[in-house]
Structures are given as structure tokens and as C-alpha cells.
């Protein structure tokens, strides 16, 4: 009995002392220190953040995977290799290229009078828009589905909204809403998949063919994920996904690799 107890104490002590404080520094590819980078130990779920000098420290054991996440930068990860000297970890995060709005180049005809009139018209329109301060449309331009209260109220007051009444009776308004919800869902899933490599999910134990299913599950399990997607906050999305991955794996009975 004493031998078993001693063995347990030795194992516990070994596990305790194998945890060491790992320190490092994170920069971008121009060697500029990156603050506010989220550092996650994937084996223990412990998290920390880099300071203004890009430095961090976190408890880890040998072969633990550290993952580094910051909005606007590609995800990076490193395996901890502990030794006698326990050297600093140096991590470089690569900035994600920003989308550039499409520019339309108009071909000139060679006729000075026509070309100058065309350019003047475009410039004038832009100047008017800037001067007046016309608001830009937000989101997608969509036909607004009819609503019961906005259709029945005019009927009760003696005026008939023919189109709105037809939409409600025929079910067209419900179909519109369902289509819009589906379009938005697919767009938000695509936004995440475009910015997060498949390796991020497969390394965490999510099969590649179920990545989109997992993202959709995360939207319903923690609605804040979708709020971050709408705000284009990739780091917020990733932090929430880290919390949901174990839940999804449990539902699929997937063991962590």
C-alpha cells in the first residue's frame, strides 16, 4: 500500500514539476512587436496575452501546443520543447492581406471632347455625393418582406395593401425571410472559412468534411460567435470557437488527436 501511495506521489510530483513557465516574444514579419496577441495552451486551455513589447509567459509542459491568435494576422502555433536552458520562443505572425475594392477603369475613346465630358460627369457626381454627405447603403439591398402588423393595420383603417396582403396569404413573405436567413448563414460560414485554414479545425479534431457543420453549430450554441463575425472580429471568433470545439467533439464522440 505504501509503495502504491509513493508511486502516485511521484507521478503527481512529476506532472507538477514538468509544468514550466515558457516565455517568448511575438512580432510581425517586419520585426515589429505585437501586443494583445492571445496565447493559448491547447493542452490545458490556459490563456494569456502579449504585453506592449510583444512578450508573454505561460505555463506549459514539453510537447504542449501553444497557439497564437490576433485579429488581422494568420494563426500560428508552436510545440514546446523544454530543456535545461528553456530558451525564449520567437514567433512571427503574418498579416492577412486586406481586400481591395474593385476599381473600374474606363477606356478613353480618343475624342477629347467626349472623354473630358465623361470624366467631368464622374467627378461631378463624386463631388456632389461628398458635399451632400449621402449615406451609403448598409448590407445587401433586399426587398423587405411583408409583416402582419404592417398589412392588417391599413386594412382595419380602410386602406388595402394589395401586394402585402398577397405576400402574406401566398407565403411569399415567409419564404423571403427563410431565404435571407439562409443566405446570411452561408455568407457568415464562408467568412470564417475564408480566414481560418482547415488545419485549424482538423488539428483540433474536427473532420474536414464537418467544418462548416461545426461553424453553424457554434452560431447556435454561442450566438456571440456570429456577433463577432458580423463585426469582422476574427480574434473574437477564434476565442469562442476554442470554447465550443470540445462540446462539438463530445457530441460527435470524437477523441482529441
C-alpha atoms as a PDB file:
ATOM      1  CA  UNK A   1       0.000   0.000   0.000  1.00  0.00           C
ATOM      2  CA  UNK A   2       2.802   2.391   0.873  1.00  0.00           C
ATOM      3  CA  UNK A   3       4.509   1.536  -2.394  1.00  0.00           C
ATOM      4  CA  UNK A   4       1.380   2.415  -4.397  1.00  0.00           C
ATOM      5  CA  UNK A   5       0.965   5.698  -2.488  1.00  0.00           C
ATOM      6  CA  UNK A   6       4.615   6.559  -3.105  1.00  0.00           C
ATOM      7  CA  UNK A   7       4.213   5.829  -6.812  1.00  0.00           C
ATOM      8  CA  UNK A   8       1.160   8.093  -7.007  1.00  0.00           C
ATOM      9  CA  UNK A   9       3.013  10.887  -5.237  1.00  0.00           C
ATOM     10  CA  UNK A  10       5.936  10.507  -7.623  1.00  0.00           C
ATOM     11  CA  UNK A  11       3.662  10.679 -10.662  1.00  0.00           C
ATOM     12  CA  UNK A  12       1.832  13.726  -9.309  1.00  0.00           C
ATOM     13  CA  UNK A  13       5.122  15.385  -8.472  1.00  0.00           C
ATOM     14  CA  UNK A  14       6.494  14.650 -11.918  1.00  0.00           C
ATOM     15  CA  UNK A  15       3.400  16.120 -13.586  1.00  0.00           C
ATOM     16  CA  UNK A  16       3.609  19.176 -11.349  1.00  0.00           C
ATOM     17  CA  UNK A  17       7.261  19.868 -11.947  1.00  0.00           C
ATOM     18  CA  UNK A  18       7.016  19.171 -15.670  1.00  0.00           C
ATOM     19  CA  UNK A  19       4.934  22.334 -15.926  1.00  0.00           C
ATOM     20  CA  UNK A  20       7.351  25.173 -16.548  1.00  0.00           C
ATOM     21  CA  UNK A  21       6.958  28.841 -17.340  1.00  0.00           C
ATOM     22  CA  UNK A  22       7.539  29.307 -21.068  1.00  0.00           C
ATOM     23  CA  UNK A  23       8.432  32.822 -22.201  1.00  0.00           C
ATOM     24  CA  UNK A  24       8.570  34.301 -25.648  1.00  0.00           C
ATOM     25  CA  UNK A  25       8.148  37.291 -27.928  1.00  0.00           C
ATOM     26  CA  UNK A  26       5.826  37.789 -30.894  1.00  0.00           C
ATOM     27  CA  UNK A  27       6.488  40.119 -33.824  1.00  0.00           C
ATOM     28  CA  UNK A  28       5.116  40.656 -37.307  1.00  0.00           C
ATOM     29  CA  UNK A  29       7.135  39.938 -40.435  1.00  0.00           C
ATOM     30  CA  UNK A  30       8.665  43.429 -40.195  1.00  0.00           C
ATOM     31  CA  UNK A  31      10.062  42.618 -36.727  1.00  0.00           C
ATOM     32  CA  UNK A  32       7.569  44.962 -35.008  1.00  0.00           C
ATOM     33  CA  UNK A  33       6.431  43.797 -31.566  1.00  0.00           C
ATOM     34  CA  UNK A  34       2.779  42.725 -31.447  1.00  0.00           C
ATOM     35  CA  UNK A  35       0.789  43.467 -28.267  1.00  0.00           C
ATOM     36  CA  UNK A  36      -2.588  41.904 -27.378  1.00  0.00           C
ATOM     37  CA  UNK A  37      -1.850  38.584 -29.090  1.00  0.00           C
ATOM     38  CA  UNK A  38      -3.832  35.757 -27.488  1.00  0.00           C
ATOM     39  CA  UNK A  39      -1.592  32.843 -26.469  1.00  0.00           C
ATOM     40  CA  UNK A  40      -3.459  29.589 -25.761  1.00  0.00           C
ATOM     41  CA  UNK A  41      -2.022  26.355 -24.372  1.00  0.00           C
ATOM     42  CA  UNK A  42      -4.128  23.818 -26.283  1.00  0.00           C
ATOM     43  CA  UNK A  43      -3.368  21.060 -23.750  1.00  0.00           C
ATOM     44  CA  UNK A  44      -4.525  22.953 -20.653  1.00  0.00           C
ATOM     45  CA  UNK A  45      -6.775  25.690 -22.167  1.00  0.00           C
ATOM     46  CA  UNK A  46      -4.769  28.299 -20.255  1.00  0.00           C
ATOM     47  CA  UNK A  47      -4.635  31.692 -21.967  1.00  0.00           C
ATOM     48  CA  UNK A  48      -2.515  34.797 -21.713  1.00  0.00           C
ATOM     49  CA  UNK A  49      -1.811  37.911 -23.796  1.00  0.00           C
ATOM     50  CA  UNK A  50       1.333  39.635 -25.012  1.00  0.00           C
ATOM     51  CA  UNK A  51       2.291  42.964 -23.441  1.00  0.00           C
ATOM     52  CA  UNK A  52       3.237  46.165 -25.273  1.00  0.00           C
ATOM     53  CA  UNK A  53       6.637  44.664 -26.147  1.00  0.00           C
ATOM     54  CA  UNK A  54       5.095  41.538 -27.634  1.00  0.00           C
ATOM     55  CA  UNK A  55       6.286  39.428 -24.674  1.00  0.00           C
ATOM     56  CA  UNK A  56       4.349  36.648 -22.966  1.00  0.00           C
ATOM     57  CA  UNK A  57       4.765  33.915 -20.372  1.00  0.00           C
ATOM     58  CA  UNK A  58       2.582  30.851 -19.888  1.00  0.00           C
ATOM     59  CA  UNK A  59       2.778  27.531 -18.049  1.00  0.00           C
ATOM     60  CA  UNK A  60       3.384  24.550 -20.323  1.00  0.00           C
ATOM     61  CA  UNK A  61       4.784  21.055 -20.420  1.00  0.00           C
ATOM     62  CA  UNK A  62       7.013  19.548 -23.051  1.00  0.00           C
ATOM     63  CA  UNK A  63       5.211  18.921 -26.362  1.00  0.00           C
ATOM     64  CA  UNK A  64       2.281  21.167 -25.403  1.00  0.00           C
ATOM     65  CA  UNK A  65       0.973  23.110 -28.388  1.00  0.00           C
ATOM     66  CA  UNK A  66       0.838  26.890 -27.994  1.00  0.00           C
ATOM     67  CA  UNK A  67      -1.470  28.709 -30.374  1.00  0.00           C
ATOM     68  CA  UNK A  68      -1.151  32.412 -31.207  1.00  0.00           C
ATOM     69  CA  UNK A  69      -4.163  34.420 -32.394  1.00  0.00           C
ATOM     70  CA  UNK A  70      -4.539  38.086 -33.300  1.00  0.00           C
ATOM     71  CA  UNK A  71      -7.141  39.797 -35.466  1.00  0.00           C
ATOM     72  CA  UNK A  72      -5.796  40.605 -38.921  1.00  0.00           C
ATOM     73  CA  UNK A  73      -2.979  38.040 -38.731  1.00  0.00           C
ATOM     74  CA  UNK A  74      -2.676  34.412 -39.747  1.00  0.00           C
ATOM     75  CA  UNK A  75      -2.865  31.888 -36.909  1.00  0.00           C
ATOM     76  CA  UNK A  76       0.407  30.324 -35.763  1.00  0.00           C
ATOM     77  CA  UNK A  77       1.303  27.511 -33.375  1.00  0.00           C
ATOM     78  CA  UNK A  78       4.441  26.009 -31.834  1.00  0.00           C
ATOM     79  CA  UNK A  79       5.301  22.892 -29.861  1.00  0.00           C
ATOM     80  CA  UNK A  80       7.016  23.458 -26.522  1.00  0.00           C
ATOM     81  CA  UNK A  81      10.466  21.872 -26.325  1.00  0.00           C
ATOM     82  CA  UNK A  82      11.714  22.206 -22.754  1.00  0.00           C
ATOM     83  CA  UNK A  83      15.383  21.832 -21.961  1.00  0.00           C
ATOM     84  CA  UNK A  84      17.887  22.819 -19.332  1.00  0.00           C
ATOM     85  CA  UNK A  85      18.172  26.343 -20.705  1.00  0.00           C
ATOM     86  CA  UNK A  86      14.493  26.705 -21.670  1.00  0.00           C
ATOM     87  CA  UNK A  87      15.189  29.327 -24.383  1.00  0.00           C
ATOM     88  CA  UNK A  88      12.738  32.069 -25.387  1.00  0.00           C
ATOM     89  CA  UNK A  89      10.180  31.301 -28.070  1.00  0.00           C
ATOM     90  CA  UNK A  90      10.228  33.697 -31.019  1.00  0.00           C
ATOM     91  CA  UNK A  91       7.035  33.757 -33.070  1.00  0.00           C
ATOM     92  CA  UNK A  92       6.302  35.693 -36.267  1.00  0.00           C
ATOM     93  CA  UNK A  93       2.688  36.391 -37.259  1.00  0.00           C
ATOM     94  CA  UNK A  94       1.998  37.159 -40.916  1.00  0.00           C
ATOM     95  CA  UNK A  95      -0.564  39.856 -41.664  1.00  0.00           C
ATOM     96  CA  UNK A  96      -3.616  38.782 -43.677  1.00  0.00           C
ATOM     97  CA  UNK A  97      -3.851  40.815 -46.914  1.00  0.00           C
ATOM     98  CA  UNK A  98      -6.768  43.216 -46.825  1.00  0.00           C
ATOM     99  CA  UNK A  99      -9.380  43.103 -49.568  1.00  0.00           C
ATOM    100  CA  UNK A 100      -9.005  45.942 -52.059  1.00  0.00           C
ATOM    101  CA  UNK A 101     -12.146  47.362 -53.555  1.00  0.00           C
ATOM    102  CA  UNK A 102     -12.547  46.705 -57.242  1.00  0.00           C
ATOM    103  CA  UNK A 103     -11.655  49.684 -59.433  1.00  0.00           C
ATOM    104  CA  UNK A 104     -13.324  50.130 -62.803  1.00  0.00           C
ATOM    105  CA  UNK A 105     -11.088  51.637 -65.488  1.00  0.00           C
ATOM    106  CA  UNK A 106     -12.992  53.358 -68.237  1.00  0.00           C
ATOM    107  CA  UNK A 107     -11.442  53.172 -71.675  1.00  0.00           C
ATOM    108  CA  UNK A 108     -10.952  56.534 -73.362  1.00  0.00           C
ATOM    109  CA  UNK A 109     -12.268  56.966 -76.896  1.00  0.00           C
ATOM    110  CA  UNK A 110      -9.576  59.364 -78.076  1.00  0.00           C
ATOM    111  CA  UNK A 111     -12.118  62.127 -78.630  1.00  0.00           C
ATOM    112  CA  UNK A 112     -11.021  64.910 -76.265  1.00  0.00           C
ATOM    113  CA  UNK A 113     -14.499  66.458 -76.055  1.00  0.00           C
ATOM    114  CA  UNK A 114     -16.272  63.163 -75.209  1.00  0.00           C
ATOM    115  CA  UNK A 115     -13.573  61.952 -72.809  1.00  0.00           C
ATOM    116  CA  UNK A 116     -13.407  65.216 -70.877  1.00  0.00           C
ATOM    117  CA  UNK A 117     -17.222  65.304 -70.611  1.00  0.00           C
ATOM    118  CA  UNK A 118     -17.276  61.719 -69.308  1.00  0.00           C
ATOM    119  CA  UNK A 119     -14.576  62.374 -66.714  1.00  0.00           C
ATOM    120  CA  UNK A 120     -16.199  65.621 -65.666  1.00  0.00           C
ATOM    121  CA  UNK A 121     -19.527  63.852 -65.138  1.00  0.00           C
ATOM    122  CA  UNK A 122     -17.955  61.198 -62.912  1.00  0.00           C
ATOM    123  CA  UNK A 123     -16.001  63.710 -60.890  1.00  0.00           C
ATOM    124  CA  UNK A 124     -19.021  65.952 -60.505  1.00  0.00           C
ATOM    125  CA  UNK A 125     -21.129  63.102 -59.171  1.00  0.00           C
ATOM    126  CA  UNK A 126     -18.446  62.181 -56.648  1.00  0.00           C
ATOM    127  CA  UNK A 127     -18.107  65.803 -55.544  1.00  0.00           C
ATOM    128  CA  UNK A 128     -21.865  66.130 -55.064  1.00  0.00           C
ATOM    129  CA  UNK A 129     -22.003  62.919 -53.037  1.00  0.00           C
ATOM    130  CA  UNK A 130     -19.186  64.095 -50.780  1.00  0.00           C
ATOM    131  CA  UNK A 131     -20.628  67.588 -50.406  1.00  0.00           C
ATOM    132  CA  UNK A 132     -24.160  66.440 -49.585  1.00  0.00           C
ATOM    133  CA  UNK A 133     -22.943  63.559 -47.439  1.00  0.00           C
ATOM    134  CA  UNK A 134     -25.257  60.930 -48.878  1.00  0.00           C
ATOM    135  CA  UNK A 135     -25.236  57.826 -46.656  1.00  0.00           C
ATOM    136  CA  UNK A 136     -24.015  54.602 -48.222  1.00  0.00           C
ATOM    137  CA  UNK A 137     -26.332  51.578 -48.146  1.00  0.00           C
ATOM    138  CA  UNK A 138     -25.567  49.179 -45.301  1.00  0.00           C
ATOM    139  CA  UNK A 139     -25.573  45.472 -46.072  1.00  0.00           C
ATOM    140  CA  UNK A 140     -27.376  43.909 -49.014  1.00  0.00           C
ATOM    141  CA  UNK A 141     -30.170  45.688 -50.890  1.00  0.00           C
ATOM    142  CA  UNK A 142     -33.197  43.466 -50.331  1.00  0.00           C
ATOM    143  CA  UNK A 143     -36.924  43.686 -50.760  1.00  0.00           C
ATOM    144  CA  UNK A 144     -38.443  43.971 -47.307  1.00  0.00           C
ATOM    145  CA  UNK A 145     -40.767  41.040 -46.526  1.00  0.00           C
ATOM    146  CA  UNK A 146     -44.346  41.954 -45.624  1.00  0.00           C
ATOM    147  CA  UNK A 147     -45.238  41.843 -41.914  1.00  0.00           C
ATOM    148  CA  UNK A 148     -48.643  41.029 -40.453  1.00  0.00           C
ATOM    149  CA  UNK A 149     -48.964  44.190 -38.361  1.00  0.00           C
ATOM    150  CA  UNK A 150     -47.994  46.437 -41.292  1.00  0.00           C
ATOM    151  CA  UNK A 151     -50.526  44.774 -43.593  1.00  0.00           C
ATOM    152  CA  UNK A 152     -53.529  44.281 -41.286  1.00  0.00           C
ATOM    153  CA  UNK A 153     -53.413  47.778 -39.780  1.00  0.00           C
ATOM    154  CA  UNK A 154     -54.073  49.562 -43.109  1.00  0.00           C
ATOM    155  CA  UNK A 155     -56.876  47.043 -43.801  1.00  0.00           C
ATOM    156  CA  UNK A 156     -58.523  47.893 -40.476  1.00  0.00           C
ATOM    157  CA  UNK A 157     -58.176  51.600 -41.252  1.00  0.00           C
ATOM    158  CA  UNK A 158     -59.902  51.156 -44.600  1.00  0.00           C
ATOM    159  CA  UNK A 159     -56.910  51.048 -46.952  1.00  0.00           C
ATOM    160  CA  UNK A 160     -55.757  47.827 -48.584  1.00  0.00           C
ATOM    161  CA  UNK A 161     -52.119  46.923 -49.196  1.00  0.00           C
ATOM    162  CA  UNK A 162     -52.733  44.557 -52.095  1.00  0.00           C
ATOM    163  CA  UNK A 163     -49.146  43.404 -52.571  1.00  0.00           C
ATOM    164  CA  UNK A 164     -48.516  42.976 -48.860  1.00  0.00           C
ATOM    165  CA  UNK A 165     -51.752  41.017 -48.402  1.00  0.00           C
ATOM    166  CA  UNK A 166     -50.888  38.751 -51.333  1.00  0.00           C
ATOM    167  CA  UNK A 167     -47.375  38.134 -49.947  1.00  0.00           C
ATOM    168  CA  UNK A 168     -48.777  37.073 -46.583  1.00  0.00           C
ATOM    169  CA  UNK A 169     -51.507  34.837 -47.982  1.00  0.00           C
ATOM    170  CA  UNK A 170     -49.270  33.161 -50.565  1.00  0.00           C
ATOM    171  CA  UNK A 171     -46.445  32.605 -48.058  1.00  0.00           C
ATOM    172  CA  UNK A 172     -44.050  34.682 -50.135  1.00  0.00           C
ATOM    173  CA  UNK A 173     -43.045  36.804 -47.147  1.00  0.00           C
ATOM    174  CA  UNK A 174     -42.134  33.717 -45.101  1.00  0.00           C
ATOM    175  CA  UNK A 175     -40.114  32.304 -47.999  1.00  0.00           C
ATOM    176  CA  UNK A 176     -38.259  35.611 -48.329  1.00  0.00           C
ATOM    177  CA  UNK A 177     -37.327  35.599 -44.667  1.00  0.00           C
ATOM    178  CA  UNK A 178     -36.164  31.978 -44.816  1.00  0.00           C
ATOM    179  CA  UNK A 179     -34.083  32.674 -47.933  1.00  0.00           C
ATOM    180  CA  UNK A 180     -32.496  35.753 -46.370  1.00  0.00           C
ATOM    181  CA  UNK A 181     -31.659  33.852 -43.180  1.00  0.00           C
ATOM    182  CA  UNK A 182     -30.123  31.011 -45.199  1.00  0.00           C
ATOM    183  CA  UNK A 183     -28.113  33.416 -47.368  1.00  0.00           C
ATOM    184  CA  UNK A 184     -26.783  35.217 -44.298  1.00  0.00           C
ATOM    185  CA  UNK A 185     -25.874  31.910 -42.629  1.00  0.00           C
ATOM    186  CA  UNK A 186     -23.915  30.697 -45.666  1.00  0.00           C
ATOM    187  CA  UNK A 187     -22.203  34.071 -46.024  1.00  0.00           C
ATOM    188  CA  UNK A 188     -21.087  34.042 -42.364  1.00  0.00           C
ATOM    189  CA  UNK A 189     -19.835  30.448 -42.605  1.00  0.00           C
ATOM    190  CA  UNK A 190     -17.902  31.361 -45.765  1.00  0.00           C
ATOM    191  CA  UNK A 191     -16.411  34.404 -43.997  1.00  0.00           C
ATOM    192  CA  UNK A 192     -14.939  32.193 -41.269  1.00  0.00           C
ATOM    193  CA  UNK A 193     -13.698  29.507 -43.671  1.00  0.00           C
ATOM    194  CA  UNK A 194     -12.041  32.114 -45.895  1.00  0.00           C
ATOM    195  CA  UNK A 195      -9.997  33.444 -42.992  1.00  0.00           C
ATOM    196  CA  UNK A 196      -9.296  30.283 -40.987  1.00  0.00           C
ATOM    197  CA  UNK A 197      -7.362  27.433 -42.544  1.00  0.00           C
ATOM    198  CA  UNK A 198      -8.840  23.932 -42.454  1.00  0.00           C
ATOM    199  CA  UNK A 199      -5.781  22.797 -40.463  1.00  0.00           C
ATOM    200  CA  UNK A 200      -7.025  24.872 -37.528  1.00  0.00           C
ATOM    201  CA  UNK A 201     -10.125  22.675 -37.287  1.00  0.00           C
ATOM    202  CA  UNK A 202      -8.599  19.321 -38.224  1.00  0.00           C
ATOM    203  CA  UNK A 203      -5.754  19.811 -35.715  1.00  0.00           C
ATOM    204  CA  UNK A 204      -8.430  20.345 -33.063  1.00  0.00           C
ATOM    205  CA  UNK A 205     -10.168  17.084 -34.007  1.00  0.00           C
ATOM    206  CA  UNK A 206     -12.912  18.375 -36.326  1.00  0.00           C
ATOM    207  CA  UNK A 207     -13.119  16.268 -39.525  1.00  0.00           C
ATOM    208  CA  UNK A 208     -12.595  18.365 -42.650  1.00  0.00           C
ATOM    209  CA  UNK A 209     -15.985  17.356 -44.063  1.00  0.00           C
ATOM    210  CA  UNK A 210     -17.739  18.658 -40.914  1.00  0.00           C
ATOM    211  CA  UNK A 211     -16.039  22.048 -40.607  1.00  0.00           C
ATOM    212  CA  UNK A 212     -18.996  24.010 -41.999  1.00  0.00           C
ATOM    213  CA  UNK A 213     -21.345  21.997 -39.776  1.00  0.00           C
ATOM    214  CA  UNK A 214     -19.207  22.881 -36.741  1.00  0.00           C
ATOM    215  CA  UNK A 215     -19.232  26.610 -37.604  1.00  0.00           C
ATOM    216  CA  UNK A 216     -23.017  26.540 -37.980  1.00  0.00           C
ATOM    217  CA  UNK A 217     -23.270  24.686 -34.656  1.00  0.00           C
ATOM    218  CA  UNK A 218     -21.115  27.359 -32.994  1.00  0.00           C
ATOM    219  CA  UNK A 219     -23.533  30.083 -34.180  1.00  0.00           C
ATOM    220  CA  UNK A 220     -26.452  28.418 -32.400  1.00  0.00           C
ATOM    221  CA  UNK A 221     -24.512  27.203 -29.343  1.00  0.00           C
ATOM    222  CA  UNK A 222     -22.911  30.600 -28.661  1.00  0.00           C
ATOM    223  CA  UNK A 223     -24.677  33.378 -30.629  1.00  0.00           C
ATOM    224  CA  UNK A 224     -21.825  35.729 -29.699  1.00  0.00           C
ATOM    225  CA  UNK A 225     -19.718  33.943 -32.340  1.00  0.00           C
ATOM    226  CA  UNK A 226     -21.974  35.288 -35.053  1.00  0.00           C
ATOM    227  CA  UNK A 227     -21.929  38.731 -33.465  1.00  0.00           C
ATOM    228  CA  UNK A 228     -18.145  38.702 -33.811  1.00  0.00           C
ATOM    229  CA  UNK A 229     -18.492  37.568 -37.445  1.00  0.00           C
ATOM    230  CA  UNK A 230     -20.806  40.488 -38.206  1.00  0.00           C
ATOM    231  CA  UNK A 231     -18.271  42.825 -36.573  1.00  0.00           C
ATOM    232  CA  UNK A 232     -15.419  41.247 -38.643  1.00  0.00           C
ATOM    233  CA  UNK A 233     -13.640  40.431 -35.363  1.00  0.00           C
ATOM    234  CA  UNK A 234     -11.640  37.306 -36.200  1.00  0.00           C
ATOM    235  CA  UNK A 235      -9.815  37.052 -32.872  1.00  0.00           C
ATOM    236  CA  UNK A 236     -13.147  37.148 -31.010  1.00  0.00           C
ATOM    237  CA  UNK A 237     -14.492  34.393 -33.257  1.00  0.00           C
ATOM    238  CA  UNK A 238     -11.441  32.193 -32.648  1.00  0.00           C
ATOM    239  CA  UNK A 239     -11.568  32.621 -28.878  1.00  0.00           C
ATOM    240  CA  UNK A 240     -15.198  31.477 -28.812  1.00  0.00           C
ATOM    241  CA  UNK A 241     -14.525  28.584 -31.192  1.00  0.00           C
ATOM    242  CA  UNK A 242     -11.834  27.311 -28.808  1.00  0.00           C
ATOM    243  CA  UNK A 243     -14.543  27.005 -26.127  1.00  0.00           C
ATOM    244  CA  UNK A 244     -17.012  25.226 -28.427  1.00  0.00           C
ATOM    245  CA  UNK A 245     -14.648  22.680 -30.029  1.00  0.00           C
ATOM    246  CA  UNK A 246     -14.690  20.281 -27.002  1.00  0.00           C
ATOM    247  CA  UNK A 247     -18.516  20.418 -26.898  1.00  0.00           C
ATOM    248  CA  UNK A 248     -18.817  19.594 -30.592  1.00  0.00           C
ATOM    249  CA  UNK A 249     -16.273  16.777 -30.320  1.00  0.00           C
ATOM    250  CA  UNK A 250     -18.222  15.298 -27.408  1.00  0.00           C
ATOM    251  CA  UNK A 251     -21.434  15.394 -29.435  1.00  0.00           C
ATOM    252  CA  UNK A 252     -19.724  13.537 -32.264  1.00  0.00           C
ATOM    253  CA  UNK A 253     -17.849  11.309 -29.815  1.00  0.00           C
ATOM    254  CA  UNK A 254     -14.584  12.410 -31.358  1.00  0.00           C
ATOM    255  CA  UNK A 255     -11.491  11.940 -29.232  1.00  0.00           C
ATOM    256  CA  UNK A 256      -8.851  14.639 -29.311  1.00  0.00           C
ATOM    257  CA  UNK A 257      -5.897  13.647 -31.532  1.00  0.00           C
END
